[in-house]
Amino acid sequence: MQKLIKLRARAIPLPVENIDTDQIIPARFLKSIDKKGFGENLFRDWRYNVHTGMPNADFVLNNPEYRGEILVAGNNFGCGSSREHAAWALTDYGFKVVVSSFFADIFKGNALNNGLLPVKVSEAFLKEILNGITENPEKELVVDVEKQTIAFDGQSESFEMDSYKKICLMNGYDDIDFLISRKQAIREFELKTQKIYEN
């Protein structure tokens, strides 16, 4: 995974509440165990006309004014089924951070396991961010993983984050990479334990 320490980027507003994982990546596209390629079907049924297959001009991902590595969504993002493919689709599309006032627990875990940072903010701050980037798509957000803060338009909030996942995200580790990084400490513990049992 790529390291994520501090990100300054434009954002894409998606002010819809209760976005579930089937809307993020419809079930009919879950035919691969390879993480790549899911981004092209991210929000498929919203991005494209079901009958013609043509892009829906009204959907924000099809609007060239909006771009960026941060998705700002409405409350209760990632609810529904526990498919990890939702996180795959978001990261494959190019998102590094998703901002909402609430995340489903399973989605939050899947996101962090795949290098995607879910940032939970207050409903008031979320509204300000959504209004701000909708009115001015060039405005940027700053997400500081080390300090666990998100800043926008002169205001900032702190966000909570699991300390282990924070280490992994800042170093670009998955769970195996983390264990490998602790190889020497594990070996020293094994030797120490072995000596205790031998005595």
Protein backbone atom coordinates (compact mmCIF):
# COMPACT_ATOMS: atom_id res chain seq x y z
CA MET A 1 0.00 0.00 0.00
CA GLN A 2 1.03 3.61 -0.47
CA LYS A 3 2.02 5.68 2.54
CA LEU A 4 -0.44 8.32 3.68
CA ILE A 5 1.00 10.87 6.09
CA LYS A 6 -0.39 14.20 4.99
CA LEU A 7 -2.66 14.96 2.06
CA ARG A 8 -3.57 18.33 0.59
CA ALA A 9 -6.08 17.81 -2.20
CA ARG A 10 -9.25 18.91 -3.85
CA ALA A 11 -12.38 16.96 -3.02
CA ILE A 12 -15.49 15.62 -4.70
CA PRO A 13 -18.83 16.32 -2.98
CA LEU A 14 -21.42 13.56 -2.80
CA PRO A 15 -24.06 14.86 -0.34
CA VAL A 16 -26.10 11.68 -0.19
CA GLU A 17 -26.90 9.91 3.08
CA ASN A 18 -26.93 6.13 3.66
CA ILE A 19 -24.72 5.24 0.70
CA ASP A 20 -24.45 1.48 0.93
CA THR A 21 -21.83 -0.83 -0.50
CA ASP A 22 -24.13 -1.99 -3.31
CA GLN A 23 -24.33 1.60 -4.53
CA ILE A 24 -20.56 1.97 -4.21
CA ILE A 25 -19.95 -1.19 -6.27
CA PRO A 26 -23.00 -3.15 -7.49
CA ALA A 27 -23.03 -6.88 -6.74
CA ARG A 28 -22.98 -7.87 -10.43
CA PHE A 29 -19.38 -6.62 -10.69
CA LEU A 30 -18.02 -8.75 -7.85
CA LYS A 31 -16.56 -11.39 -10.13
CA SER A 32 -12.87 -10.89 -9.49
CA ILE A 33 -10.54 -11.33 -6.53
CA ASP A 34 -8.02 -8.95 -8.09
CA LYS A 35 -8.28 -5.49 -6.53
CA LYS A 36 -7.62 -3.72 -9.82
CA GLY A 37 -10.34 -2.70 -12.26
CA PHE A 38 -13.13 -2.01 -9.79
CA GLY A 39 -12.74 1.75 -10.07
CA GLU A 40 -14.35 1.85 -13.51
CA ASN A 41 -17.58 0.57 -11.95
CA LEU A 42 -17.53 2.76 -8.85
CA PHE A 43 -21.07 4.13 -8.36
CA ARG A 44 -21.89 2.45 -11.66
CA ASP A 45 -25.66 2.82 -11.48
CA TRP A 46 -25.34 6.52 -10.66
CA ARG A 47 -22.55 7.31 -13.11
CA TYR A 48 -24.15 5.67 -16.15
CA ASN A 49 -27.61 5.45 -17.65
CA VAL A 50 -28.88 1.92 -17.06
CA HIS A 51 -30.51 1.72 -20.50
CA THR A 52 -27.98 3.46 -22.74
CA GLY A 53 -24.75 2.93 -20.82
CA MET A 54 -23.90 6.58 -21.39
CA PRO A 55 -22.53 8.75 -18.57
CA ASN A 56 -25.10 10.65 -16.51
CA ALA A 57 -24.11 14.29 -16.91
CA ASP A 58 -25.74 15.18 -13.57
CA PHE A 59 -23.56 12.83 -11.51
CA VAL A 60 -20.62 14.52 -9.82
CA LEU A 61 -17.95 12.05 -10.99
CA ASN A 62 -18.89 12.93 -14.56
CA ASN A 63 -18.56 16.66 -13.91
CA PRO A 64 -15.09 17.85 -15.01
CA GLU A 65 -15.23 20.74 -12.53
CA TYR A 66 -14.84 18.31 -9.66
CA ARG A 67 -11.78 16.17 -9.14
CA GLY A 68 -9.51 15.12 -6.30
CA GLU A 69 -8.35 12.34 -4.03
CA ILE A 70 -10.90 13.01 -1.30
CA LEU A 71 -14.56 11.98 -1.41
CA VAL A 72 -16.88 13.95 0.88
CA ALA A 73 -20.12 12.05 1.39
CA GLY A 74 -23.28 12.35 3.47
CA ASN A 75 -23.95 10.66 6.81
CA ASN A 76 -23.75 6.86 7.23
CA PHE A 77 -21.34 5.97 4.44
CA GLY A 78 -20.58 2.34 3.63
CA CYS A 79 -23.61 0.71 5.22
CA GLY A 80 -25.11 -2.52 3.89
CA SER A 81 -23.27 -5.73 3.03
CA SER A 82 -19.70 -6.25 4.19
CA ARG A 83 -18.03 -6.41 0.78
CA GLU A 84 -14.38 -5.41 0.76
CA HIS A 85 -14.78 -4.62 -2.93
CA ALA A 86 -16.29 -1.25 -1.95
CA ALA A 87 -12.94 -0.15 -0.56
CA TRP A 88 -11.18 -1.63 -3.60
CA ALA A 89 -13.39 0.36 -5.97
CA LEU A 90 -12.79 3.63 -4.13
CA THR A 91 -9.02 3.21 -3.99
CA ASP A 92 -8.80 1.94 -7.56
CA TYR A 93 -10.65 5.05 -8.71
CA GLY A 94 -8.04 7.16 -6.95
CA PHE A 95 -9.54 8.15 -3.62
CA LYS A 96 -7.24 8.18 -0.59
CA VAL A 97 -9.66 9.66 1.95
CA VAL A 98 -13.42 9.52 2.48
CA VAL A 99 -15.05 12.10 4.75
CA SER A 100 -18.42 11.58 6.43
CA SER A 101 -20.14 12.18 9.76
CA PHE A 102 -20.59 8.42 10.27
CA PHE A 103 -19.16 5.21 8.77
CA ALA A 104 -20.40 1.66 9.01
CA ASP A 105 -17.93 -0.30 11.16
CA ILE A 106 -17.22 -3.07 8.67
CA PHE A 107 -16.64 -0.61 5.84
CA LYS A 108 -14.33 1.41 8.07
CA GLY A 109 -12.23 -1.68 8.79
CA ASN A 110 -12.13 -2.72 5.14
CA ALA A 111 -11.12 0.80 4.12
CA LEU A 112 -8.21 0.98 6.56
CA ASN A 113 -7.05 -2.50 5.55
CA ASN A 114 -6.76 -1.24 1.98
CA GLY A 115 -5.04 2.09 2.59
CA LEU A 116 -8.20 4.20 2.41
CA LEU A 117 -8.66 6.61 5.32
CA PRO A 118 -12.22 7.18 6.61
CA VAL A 119 -12.33 10.54 8.38
CA LYS A 120 -15.31 11.09 10.67
CA VAL A 121 -16.24 14.72 11.26
CA SER A 122 -19.11 16.51 12.98
CA GLU A 123 -22.31 17.02 11.01
CA ALA A 124 -21.80 20.79 11.14
CA PHE A 125 -18.26 20.60 9.75
CA LEU A 126 -19.35 18.12 7.09
CA LYS A 127 -22.05 20.53 5.95
CA GLU A 128 -19.51 23.36 5.72
CA ILE A 129 -17.13 21.23 3.67
CA LEU A 130 -19.86 20.05 1.30
CA ASN A 131 -21.18 23.57 0.79
CA GLY A 132 -17.69 24.97 0.34
CA ILE A 133 -16.46 22.53 -2.30
CA THR A 134 -19.80 22.53 -4.11
CA GLU A 135 -19.57 26.31 -4.50
CA ASN A 136 -15.84 26.31 -5.24
CA PRO A 137 -14.46 23.01 -6.58
CA GLU A 138 -10.89 24.32 -6.38
CA LYS A 139 -10.90 24.55 -2.58
CA GLU A 140 -8.60 22.02 -0.91
CA LEU A 141 -8.77 19.98 2.26
CA VAL A 142 -5.72 19.08 4.34
CA VAL A 143 -5.72 15.72 6.10
CA ASP A 144 -2.87 15.15 8.55
CA VAL A 145 -2.71 11.52 9.61
CA GLU A 146 0.09 12.05 12.13
CA LYS A 147 -1.79 14.84 13.92
CA GLN A 148 -5.18 13.27 13.17
CA THR A 149 -6.66 16.53 11.93
CA ILE A 150 -8.65 17.64 8.91
CA ALA A 151 -8.64 21.29 7.87
CA PHE A 152 -10.80 23.22 5.44
CA ASP A 153 -11.21 26.91 4.74
CA GLY A 154 -9.52 28.05 7.97
CA GLN A 155 -11.29 25.56 10.23
CA SER A 156 -10.16 22.16 11.48
CA GLU A 157 -11.31 19.18 13.49
CA SER A 158 -9.58 16.21 15.04
CA PHE A 159 -10.58 12.68 14.11
CA GLU A 160 -10.17 9.40 15.91
CA MET A 161 -8.04 6.61 14.52
CA ASP A 162 -6.86 3.22 15.73
CA SER A 163 -3.17 3.53 16.68
CA TYR A 164 -2.20 0.30 14.93
CA LYS A 165 -3.94 1.30 11.70
CA LYS A 166 -2.30 4.71 11.94
CA ILE A 167 1.16 3.10 11.97
CA CYS A 168 0.20 0.91 9.03
CA LEU A 169 -1.20 3.78 6.98
CA MET A 170 1.74 6.09 7.59
CA ASN A 171 4.21 3.37 6.60
CA GLY A 172 2.23 1.82 3.76
CA TYR A 173 1.93 -1.48 5.63
CA ASP A 174 -0.69 -4.17 5.38
CA ASP A 175 -0.86 -6.65 8.28
CA ILE A 176 1.90 -8.85 6.84
CA ASP A 177 4.18 -5.89 6.18
CA PHE A 178 3.71 -4.79 9.78
CA LEU A 179 4.76 -8.20 11.10
CA ILE A 180 7.80 -8.21 8.83
CA SER A 181 8.76 -4.77 10.15
CA ARG A 182 8.75 -6.26 13.66
CA LYS A 183 10.77 -9.32 12.65
CA GLN A 184 13.79 -8.48 14.82
CA ALA A 185 11.64 -7.72 17.88
CA ILE A 186 9.73 -10.97 17.39
CA ARG A 187 12.99 -12.92 17.10
CA GLU A 188 14.36 -11.31 20.29
CA PHE A 189 11.15 -12.17 22.14
CA GLU A 190 11.38 -15.78 20.94
CA LEU A 191 14.96 -16.09 22.16
CA LYS A 192 14.10 -14.52 25.50
CA THR A 193 11.13 -16.85 25.95
CA GLN A 194 13.22 -19.86 24.96
CA LYS A 195 15.83 -19.03 27.60
CA ILE A 196 13.14 -18.70 30.28
CA TYR A 197 11.82 -22.17 29.50
CA GLU A 198 15.30 -23.66 29.35
CA ASN A 199 16.07 -22.35 32.83
